[in-house]
């Protein structure tokens, strides 16, 4: 096993008043040549937006953009006719492809929204833009890694144009779950949403990240009840 550890407090920091964001990888005004992504995984932004504010209309091309609300509501609108609210417990994906304009606003005038925005570099360029939103409640299983994203439209969760799989697990203290890679040539990036776990002698706490590769599976020990996001992605593009 090879690994790279990213402590939560080593992330890039942006504070725009209405928006507070932490960047695991280089993004906007945060540039670190040693933090340009992890294989096809290009962006993990941990965003906090105050009530009534958000990202106005802006454009993207040729990127798979995944949003996972952690608290509050996220209102979405785009140039291909989608409009609605994404809530905690849901996952949204937008394939930007040939180009899409969208907005992401706080869906509440008072309560803040916190969400993860994740970008994955696609394996197919200039596709027709598309949007998908799924409630994860029916596919989440306690004390297991539950798949919420894959390359297959017939799988559980959302799908993207990349040989990538995302899973989320809610684990009780003392559990020792194992994750089996779908493709042993891929790498895995773990992101701790809450709690504390140990992986290969690395102690990971809230918002810590760990990239691991050259493995077929990995196990972790749950030291404190934890919610873990596992992002399995190709390492070469």
Protein backbone atom coordinates (compact mmCIF):
# COMPACT_ATOMS: atom_id res chain seq x y z
CA UNK A 1 0.00 0.00 0.00
CA UNK A 2 1.14 3.51 -0.85
CA UNK A 3 -0.50 6.48 0.83
CA UNK A 4 -0.57 10.26 1.03
CA UNK A 5 -2.11 12.02 4.02
CA UNK A 6 -3.77 15.45 3.89
CA UNK A 7 -4.62 16.94 7.29
CA UNK A 8 -7.79 19.03 7.45
CA UNK A 9 -5.87 22.13 8.53
CA UNK A 10 -3.46 21.82 5.57
CA UNK A 11 -6.22 22.59 3.07
CA UNK A 12 -6.53 25.87 1.19
CA UNK A 13 -8.72 28.45 2.91
CA UNK A 14 -11.05 30.98 1.29
CA UNK A 15 -13.30 33.41 3.18
CA UNK A 16 -15.55 35.67 1.11
CA UNK A 17 -17.93 36.56 3.93
CA UNK A 18 -20.97 34.83 2.43
CA UNK A 19 -18.81 31.84 1.51
CA UNK A 20 -16.24 29.98 3.56
CA UNK A 21 -14.50 27.18 1.69
CA UNK A 22 -11.68 24.73 2.33
CA UNK A 23 -9.91 23.26 -0.68
CA UNK A 24 -8.29 19.82 -0.47
CA UNK A 25 -6.69 20.42 -3.88
CA UNK A 26 -5.58 23.55 -5.75
CA UNK A 27 -8.59 25.69 -6.64
CA UNK A 28 -9.19 29.37 -7.51
CA UNK A 29 -6.70 31.49 -5.54
CA UNK A 30 -5.26 28.47 -3.70
CA UNK A 31 -2.43 26.93 -5.69
CA UNK A 32 -0.15 24.21 -4.40
CA UNK A 33 1.82 22.31 -7.07
CA UNK A 34 1.85 19.26 -4.78
CA UNK A 35 -1.94 19.34 -4.40
CA UNK A 36 -3.25 19.26 -7.98
CA UNK A 37 -5.61 16.34 -7.43
CA UNK A 38 -5.54 12.59 -7.03
CA UNK A 39 -5.73 10.87 -10.41
CA UNK A 40 -9.10 11.74 -11.98
CA UNK A 41 -10.21 13.39 -8.72
CA UNK A 42 -9.52 17.09 -9.28
CA UNK A 43 -11.47 19.08 -6.66
CA UNK A 44 -12.85 18.53 -3.17
CA UNK A 45 -14.31 21.78 -1.83
CA UNK A 46 -15.87 21.90 1.63
CA UNK A 47 -18.25 24.87 1.26
CA UNK A 48 -20.23 26.84 3.83
CA UNK A 49 -22.72 29.40 2.46
CA UNK A 50 -24.76 31.71 4.65
CA UNK A 51 -28.53 32.06 4.26
CA UNK A 52 -29.82 33.75 1.14
CA UNK A 53 -26.48 33.70 -0.67
CA UNK A 54 -24.71 31.45 -3.17
CA UNK A 55 -23.00 31.04 -6.49
CA UNK A 56 -24.79 32.95 -9.27
CA UNK A 57 -24.87 31.76 -12.86
CA UNK A 58 -21.49 30.50 -14.06
CA UNK A 59 -20.30 28.06 -16.70
CA UNK A 60 -18.44 24.74 -16.80
CA UNK A 61 -17.19 22.43 -19.55
CA UNK A 62 -15.95 18.84 -19.63
CA UNK A 63 -16.12 18.08 -15.92
CA UNK A 64 -18.19 15.73 -13.77
CA UNK A 65 -19.41 17.85 -10.84
CA UNK A 66 -20.83 16.15 -7.76
CA UNK A 67 -22.55 17.96 -4.88
CA UNK A 68 -23.31 16.34 -1.52
CA UNK A 69 -25.16 18.53 1.03
CA UNK A 70 -24.07 17.88 4.62
CA UNK A 71 -26.53 20.26 6.27
CA UNK A 72 -29.13 22.68 5.02
CA UNK A 73 -30.52 23.03 1.50
CA UNK A 74 -28.88 23.75 -1.83
CA UNK A 75 -30.97 25.33 -4.60
CA UNK A 76 -29.93 24.48 -8.16
CA UNK A 77 -30.84 25.94 -11.54
CA UNK A 78 -29.21 25.35 -14.92
CA UNK A 79 -29.32 26.14 -18.62
CA UNK A 80 -30.78 22.73 -19.58
CA UNK A 81 -33.98 23.33 -17.64
CA UNK A 82 -33.35 21.74 -14.24
CA UNK A 83 -34.47 23.64 -11.17
CA UNK A 84 -34.94 22.43 -7.61
CA UNK A 85 -33.51 21.90 -4.15
CA UNK A 86 -30.94 19.34 -3.05
CA UNK A 87 -31.19 18.41 0.62
CA UNK A 88 -29.08 16.55 3.16
CA UNK A 89 -29.15 12.86 2.32
CA UNK A 90 -29.15 13.47 -1.43
CA UNK A 91 -26.39 13.45 -4.06
CA UNK A 92 -26.37 15.45 -7.28
CA UNK A 93 -24.23 15.08 -10.39
CA UNK A 94 -23.87 17.39 -13.36
CA UNK A 95 -21.95 16.35 -16.47
CA UNK A 96 -20.85 19.68 -17.91
CA UNK A 97 -19.71 18.22 -21.26
CA UNK A 98 -20.03 20.67 -24.15
CA UNK A 99 -20.97 23.42 -21.71
CA UNK A 100 -23.56 24.24 -19.08
CA UNK A 101 -24.44 27.32 -17.05
CA UNK A 102 -25.80 26.86 -13.56
CA UNK A 103 -26.30 28.47 -10.17
CA UNK A 104 -25.98 27.01 -6.68
CA UNK A 105 -27.69 29.08 -4.02
CA UNK A 106 -28.55 28.50 -0.40
CA UNK A 107 -32.10 27.18 -0.48
CA UNK A 108 -32.95 28.91 2.82
CA UNK A 109 -32.88 32.61 3.69
CA UNK A 110 -31.73 32.04 7.27
CA UNK A 111 -30.01 28.66 7.78
CA UNK A 112 -26.53 28.14 6.36
CA UNK A 113 -25.87 25.29 3.95
CA UNK A 114 -22.74 23.14 4.08
CA UNK A 115 -21.91 20.88 1.15
CA UNK A 116 -19.08 19.08 -0.60
CA UNK A 117 -18.46 19.94 -4.21
CA UNK A 118 -16.30 17.38 -5.98
CA UNK A 119 -14.95 17.50 -9.54
CA UNK A 120 -13.91 14.39 -11.46
CA UNK A 121 -12.16 14.61 -14.83
CA UNK A 122 -14.28 12.64 -17.33
CA UNK A 123 -13.10 9.86 -19.64
CA UNK A 124 -15.32 11.14 -22.45
CA UNK A 125 -15.17 14.75 -23.60
CA UNK A 126 -17.83 16.99 -25.14
CA UNK A 127 -20.82 14.89 -24.09
CA UNK A 128 -24.29 16.36 -23.97
CA UNK A 129 -24.74 18.10 -20.59
CA UNK A 130 -26.84 16.12 -18.13
CA UNK A 131 -28.16 16.37 -14.57
CA UNK A 132 -29.09 13.72 -11.99
CA UNK A 133 -30.22 13.85 -8.38
CA UNK A 134 -30.77 10.84 -6.11
CA UNK A 135 -31.90 10.40 -2.50
CA UNK A 136 -29.44 8.08 -0.77
CA UNK A 137 -31.72 6.89 2.03
CA UNK A 138 -32.85 3.76 0.19
CA UNK A 139 -29.32 2.64 -0.69
CA UNK A 140 -27.49 3.40 2.57
CA UNK A 141 -26.87 0.43 4.85
CA UNK A 142 -25.62 0.84 8.44
CA UNK A 143 -21.98 -0.09 9.13
CA UNK A 144 -21.24 -0.79 5.46
CA UNK A 145 -19.75 1.11 2.54
CA UNK A 146 -22.79 1.93 0.42
CA UNK A 147 -22.21 2.79 -3.24
CA UNK A 148 -23.68 6.16 -4.25
CA UNK A 149 -21.91 6.75 -7.60
CA UNK A 150 -20.53 4.57 -10.41
CA UNK A 151 -19.93 4.52 -14.19
CA UNK A 152 -23.11 2.48 -14.74
CA UNK A 153 -26.49 4.13 -15.12
CA UNK A 154 -28.13 0.89 -13.92
CA UNK A 155 -26.20 0.84 -10.63
CA UNK A 156 -27.32 2.28 -7.30
CA UNK A 157 -26.86 6.02 -6.95
CA UNK A 158 -25.82 8.48 -9.64
CA UNK A 159 -23.50 7.79 -12.58
CA UNK A 160 -20.71 9.73 -14.29
CA UNK A 161 -18.53 9.57 -17.38
CA UNK A 162 -15.55 8.00 -15.61
CA UNK A 163 -14.56 4.59 -14.24
CA UNK A 164 -15.05 5.85 -10.71
CA UNK A 165 -17.05 4.64 -7.73
CA UNK A 166 -18.04 6.65 -4.65
CA UNK A 167 -19.29 5.05 -1.45
CA UNK A 168 -20.44 6.52 1.86
CA UNK A 169 -20.42 4.68 5.16
CA UNK A 170 -21.95 5.50 8.55
CA UNK A 171 -20.04 3.42 11.09
CA UNK A 172 -20.40 2.80 14.80
CA UNK A 173 -17.40 2.96 17.10
CA UNK A 174 -15.46 -0.29 17.17
CA UNK A 175 -16.38 -1.44 13.66
CA UNK A 176 -13.65 -2.67 11.29
CA UNK A 177 -15.09 -2.46 7.76
CA UNK A 178 -13.22 -3.47 4.61
CA UNK A 179 -13.54 -1.80 1.21
CA UNK A 180 -12.91 -3.86 -1.92
CA UNK A 181 -11.81 -1.90 -4.98
CA UNK A 182 -13.89 -2.29 -8.11
CA UNK A 183 -10.71 -1.92 -10.16
CA UNK A 184 -7.37 -2.72 -8.47
CA UNK A 185 -5.63 -0.31 -10.87
CA UNK A 186 -7.58 2.55 -9.33
CA UNK A 187 -6.65 4.55 -6.26
CA UNK A 188 -8.91 5.45 -3.36
CA UNK A 189 -9.26 8.80 -1.62
CA UNK A 190 -10.90 8.71 1.81
CA UNK A 191 -12.50 11.87 3.21
CA UNK A 192 -13.68 11.90 6.83
CA UNK A 193 -16.96 13.80 7.08
CA UNK A 194 -17.23 13.14 10.80
CA UNK A 195 -15.70 10.95 13.51
CA UNK A 196 -12.29 9.28 13.65
CA UNK A 197 -10.85 6.20 11.94
CA UNK A 198 -7.47 4.51 11.56
CA UNK A 199 -6.27 3.27 8.16
CA UNK A 200 -2.83 1.69 7.79
CA UNK A 201 -1.69 3.35 11.05
CA UNK A 202 -2.93 6.74 9.86
CA UNK A 203 -5.31 8.36 12.35
CA UNK A 204 -7.91 10.33 10.39
CA UNK A 205 -10.16 12.88 12.06
CA UNK A 206 -12.86 15.26 10.81
CA UNK A 207 -12.14 16.55 7.28
CA UNK A 208 -8.80 14.71 7.01
CA UNK A 209 -8.08 12.99 3.71
CA UNK A 210 -6.00 9.96 2.75
CA UNK A 211 -5.12 8.81 -0.75
CA UNK A 212 -4.10 5.15 -1.04
CA UNK A 213 -3.12 2.95 -4.01
CA UNK A 214 -1.38 -0.29 -4.97
CA UNK A 215 -4.08 -2.21 -3.10
CA UNK A 216 -7.02 -4.50 -3.82
CA UNK A 217 -8.78 -3.60 -0.58
CA UNK A 218 -8.25 -1.78 2.68
CA UNK A 219 -9.65 -2.04 6.19
CA UNK A 220 -10.14 0.64 8.80
CA UNK A 221 -10.80 0.73 12.53
CA UNK A 222 -13.52 3.10 13.67
CA UNK A 223 -12.29 4.88 16.81
CA UNK A 224 -15.28 7.23 17.05
CA UNK A 225 -18.61 6.91 15.23
CA UNK A 226 -17.82 8.14 11.74
CA UNK A 227 -19.20 9.08 8.34
CA UNK A 228 -16.68 8.32 5.60
CA UNK A 229 -16.71 9.21 1.90
CA UNK A 230 -14.64 6.86 -0.28
CA UNK A 231 -13.80 8.03 -3.80
CA UNK A 232 -12.29 5.34 -6.04
CA UNK A 233 -10.85 6.85 -9.22
CA UNK A 234 -8.39 6.04 -12.03
CA UNK A 235 -4.89 7.25 -11.26
CA UNK A 236 -3.88 7.81 -14.86
CA UNK A 237 -5.84 9.85 -17.39
